[in-house]
């Protein structure tokens, strides 16, 4: 199978792929809320804090 060489050898590839997809959806929803309510300074600050926390691996991002 030619595609078998492209997949990681670790058994949890699809689990990790699905987790990544969940994070993308989560980020898209948060960004959509930010754009829809851009005038809300508190929401912008929370969004920025959540993005910083997610990027650094710290807990507390939603």
N, C-alpha and C. Protein backbone atom coordinates (compact mmCIF):
# COMPACT_ATOMS: atom_id res chain seq x y z
N UNK A 1 0.85 -1.19 0.00
CA UNK A 1 0.00 0.00 0.00
C UNK A 1 0.89 1.24 0.00
N UNK A 2 0.76 2.06 -0.99
CA UNK A 2 1.61 3.24 -1.13
C UNK A 2 1.30 4.30 -0.07
N UNK A 3 0.04 4.45 0.31
CA UNK A 3 -0.32 5.46 1.29
C UNK A 3 0.12 5.07 2.70
N UNK A 4 0.35 3.81 2.93
CA UNK A 4 0.82 3.35 4.23
C UNK A 4 2.15 3.97 4.62
N UNK A 5 2.96 4.30 3.63
CA UNK A 5 4.26 4.91 3.90
C UNK A 5 4.11 6.38 4.31
N UNK A 6 2.99 6.99 3.98
CA UNK A 6 2.76 8.39 4.31
C UNK A 6 2.22 8.58 5.72
N UNK A 7 1.59 7.56 6.27
CA UNK A 7 1.01 7.66 7.60
C UNK A 7 2.07 7.43 8.67
N UNK A 8 1.96 8.14 9.78
CA UNK A 8 2.91 7.91 10.87
C UNK A 8 2.81 6.48 11.38
N UNK A 9 3.87 6.01 11.92
CA UNK A 9 3.90 4.63 12.42
C UNK A 9 3.21 4.50 13.78
N UNK A 10 3.00 5.62 14.45
CA UNK A 10 2.31 5.58 15.74
C UNK A 10 0.85 5.22 15.53
N UNK A 11 0.32 4.44 16.45
CA UNK A 11 -1.05 3.96 16.32
C UNK A 11 -2.12 4.98 16.59
N UNK A 12 -1.76 6.11 17.20
CA UNK A 12 -2.78 7.08 17.56
C UNK A 12 -2.89 8.24 16.57
N UNK A 13 -2.48 8.04 15.35
CA UNK A 13 -2.52 9.11 14.34
C UNK A 13 -3.92 9.68 14.17
N UNK A 14 -4.92 8.83 14.02
CA UNK A 14 -6.26 9.34 13.76
C UNK A 14 -6.85 10.01 15.00
N UNK A 15 -6.48 9.56 16.16
CA UNK A 15 -6.91 10.23 17.39
C UNK A 15 -6.33 11.64 17.45
N UNK A 16 -5.05 11.75 17.15
CA UNK A 16 -4.40 13.06 17.13
C UNK A 16 -4.96 13.94 16.03
N UNK A 17 -5.25 13.36 14.88
CA UNK A 17 -5.83 14.10 13.76
C UNK A 17 -7.18 14.68 14.16
N UNK A 18 -8.01 13.87 14.82
CA UNK A 18 -9.33 14.33 15.25
C UNK A 18 -9.22 15.42 16.32
N UNK A 19 -8.26 15.30 17.22
CA UNK A 19 -8.05 16.33 18.23
C UNK A 19 -7.64 17.65 17.57
N UNK A 20 -6.80 17.55 16.58
CA UNK A 20 -6.37 18.73 15.85
C UNK A 20 -7.56 19.38 15.13
N UNK A 21 -8.39 18.56 14.52
CA UNK A 21 -9.58 19.08 13.84
C UNK A 21 -10.51 19.78 14.83
N UNK A 22 -10.65 19.21 16.02
CA UNK A 22 -11.48 19.85 17.06
C UNK A 22 -10.93 21.22 17.43
N UNK A 23 -9.61 21.33 17.53
CA UNK A 23 -8.99 22.63 17.87
C UNK A 23 -9.21 23.65 16.75
N UNK A 24 -9.18 23.20 15.51
CA UNK A 24 -9.40 24.11 14.39
C UNK A 24 -10.83 24.65 14.44
N UNK A 25 -11.79 23.79 14.69
CA UNK A 25 -13.19 24.21 14.79
C UNK A 25 -13.36 25.18 15.97
N UNK A 26 -12.75 24.84 17.08
CA UNK A 26 -12.81 25.70 18.27
C UNK A 26 -12.24 27.08 17.97
N UNK A 27 -11.11 27.12 17.30
CA UNK A 27 -10.47 28.39 16.95
C UNK A 27 -11.32 29.19 15.97
N UNK A 28 -11.92 28.51 15.01
CA UNK A 28 -12.76 29.20 14.03
C UNK A 28 -13.98 29.83 14.70
N UNK A 29 -14.57 29.12 15.64
CA UNK A 29 -15.73 29.67 16.36
C UNK A 29 -15.33 30.87 17.20
N UNK A 30 -14.20 30.77 17.88
CA UNK A 30 -13.72 31.88 18.70
C UNK A 30 -13.41 33.10 17.83
N UNK A 31 -12.80 32.87 16.68
CA UNK A 31 -12.48 33.97 15.78
C UNK A 31 -13.75 34.60 15.22
N UNK A 32 -14.73 33.79 14.90
CA UNK A 32 -16.00 34.30 14.40
C UNK A 32 -16.68 35.19 15.45
N UNK A 33 -16.64 34.75 16.71
CA UNK A 33 -17.20 35.56 17.80
C UNK A 33 -16.43 36.87 17.94
N UNK A 34 -15.12 36.81 17.80
CA UNK A 34 -14.30 38.01 17.90
C UNK A 34 -14.68 39.01 16.81
N UNK A 35 -14.78 38.54 15.59
CA UNK A 35 -15.10 39.43 14.47
C UNK A 35 -16.51 40.00 14.61
N UNK A 36 -17.45 39.16 15.03
CA UNK A 36 -18.84 39.61 15.16
C UNK A 36 -19.01 40.64 16.27
N UNK A 37 -18.13 40.59 17.27
CA UNK A 37 -18.24 41.48 18.43
C UNK A 37 -16.95 42.26 18.65
N UNK A 38 -16.35 42.73 17.57
CA UNK A 38 -15.04 43.35 17.67
C UNK A 38 -15.02 44.60 18.55
N UNK A 39 -16.15 45.27 18.65
CA UNK A 39 -16.22 46.47 19.47
C UNK A 39 -16.18 46.18 20.97
N UNK A 40 -16.35 44.93 21.36
CA UNK A 40 -16.34 44.54 22.77
C UNK A 40 -14.89 44.35 23.23
N UNK A 41 -14.39 45.34 23.95
CA UNK A 41 -12.98 45.33 24.37
C UNK A 41 -12.70 44.14 25.28
N UNK A 42 -13.61 43.80 26.17
CA UNK A 42 -13.40 42.68 27.08
C UNK A 42 -13.30 41.36 26.31
N UNK A 43 -14.13 41.19 25.31
CA UNK A 43 -14.08 39.97 24.50
C UNK A 43 -12.76 39.89 23.72
N UNK A 44 -12.30 41.03 23.19
CA UNK A 44 -11.02 41.05 22.49
C UNK A 44 -9.88 40.68 23.42
N UNK A 45 -9.89 41.22 24.62
CA UNK A 45 -8.84 40.90 25.59
C UNK A 45 -8.87 39.42 25.95
N UNK A 46 -10.06 38.87 26.15
CA UNK A 46 -10.19 37.45 26.48
C UNK A 46 -9.69 36.59 25.32
N UNK A 47 -10.06 36.96 24.10
CA UNK A 47 -9.61 36.23 22.92
C UNK A 47 -8.08 36.23 22.85
N UNK A 48 -7.48 37.39 23.03
CA UNK A 48 -6.02 37.49 22.97
C UNK A 48 -5.36 36.65 24.05
N UNK A 49 -5.94 36.68 25.25
CA UNK A 49 -5.40 35.88 26.35
C UNK A 49 -5.54 34.38 26.05
N UNK A 50 -6.69 33.98 25.52
CA UNK A 50 -6.91 32.58 25.17
C UNK A 50 -5.93 32.11 24.10
N UNK A 51 -5.69 32.95 23.10
CA UNK A 51 -4.75 32.59 22.03
C UNK A 51 -3.34 32.46 22.60
N UNK A 52 -2.95 33.41 23.44
CA UNK A 52 -1.62 33.32 24.06
C UNK A 52 -1.48 32.06 24.90
N UNK A 53 -2.51 31.72 25.68
CA UNK A 53 -2.47 30.53 26.51
C UNK A 53 -2.39 29.27 25.66
N UNK A 54 -3.17 29.22 24.60
CA UNK A 54 -3.16 28.03 23.73
C UNK A 54 -1.82 27.89 23.05
N UNK A 55 -1.22 28.99 22.63
CA UNK A 55 0.07 28.93 21.94
C UNK A 55 1.19 28.48 22.87
N UNK A 56 1.07 28.82 24.15
CA UNK A 56 2.13 28.46 25.09
C UNK A 56 1.87 27.12 25.77
N UNK A 57 0.69 26.54 25.52
CA UNK A 57 0.37 25.26 26.12
C UNK A 57 -0.18 25.37 27.52
N UNK A 58 -0.42 26.59 27.97
CA UNK A 58 -0.97 26.78 29.32
C UNK A 58 -2.46 26.45 29.31
N UNK A 59 -2.97 25.93 30.41
CA UNK A 59 -4.39 25.65 30.49
C UNK A 59 -5.19 26.94 30.56
N UNK A 60 -6.48 26.81 30.33
CA UNK A 60 -7.35 27.98 30.46
C UNK A 60 -7.86 28.49 29.14
N UNK A 61 -7.48 27.87 28.04
CA UNK A 61 -8.03 28.30 26.76
C UNK A 61 -9.31 27.55 26.48
N UNK A 62 -10.20 28.23 25.83
CA UNK A 62 -11.50 27.60 25.53
C UNK A 62 -11.73 27.51 24.05
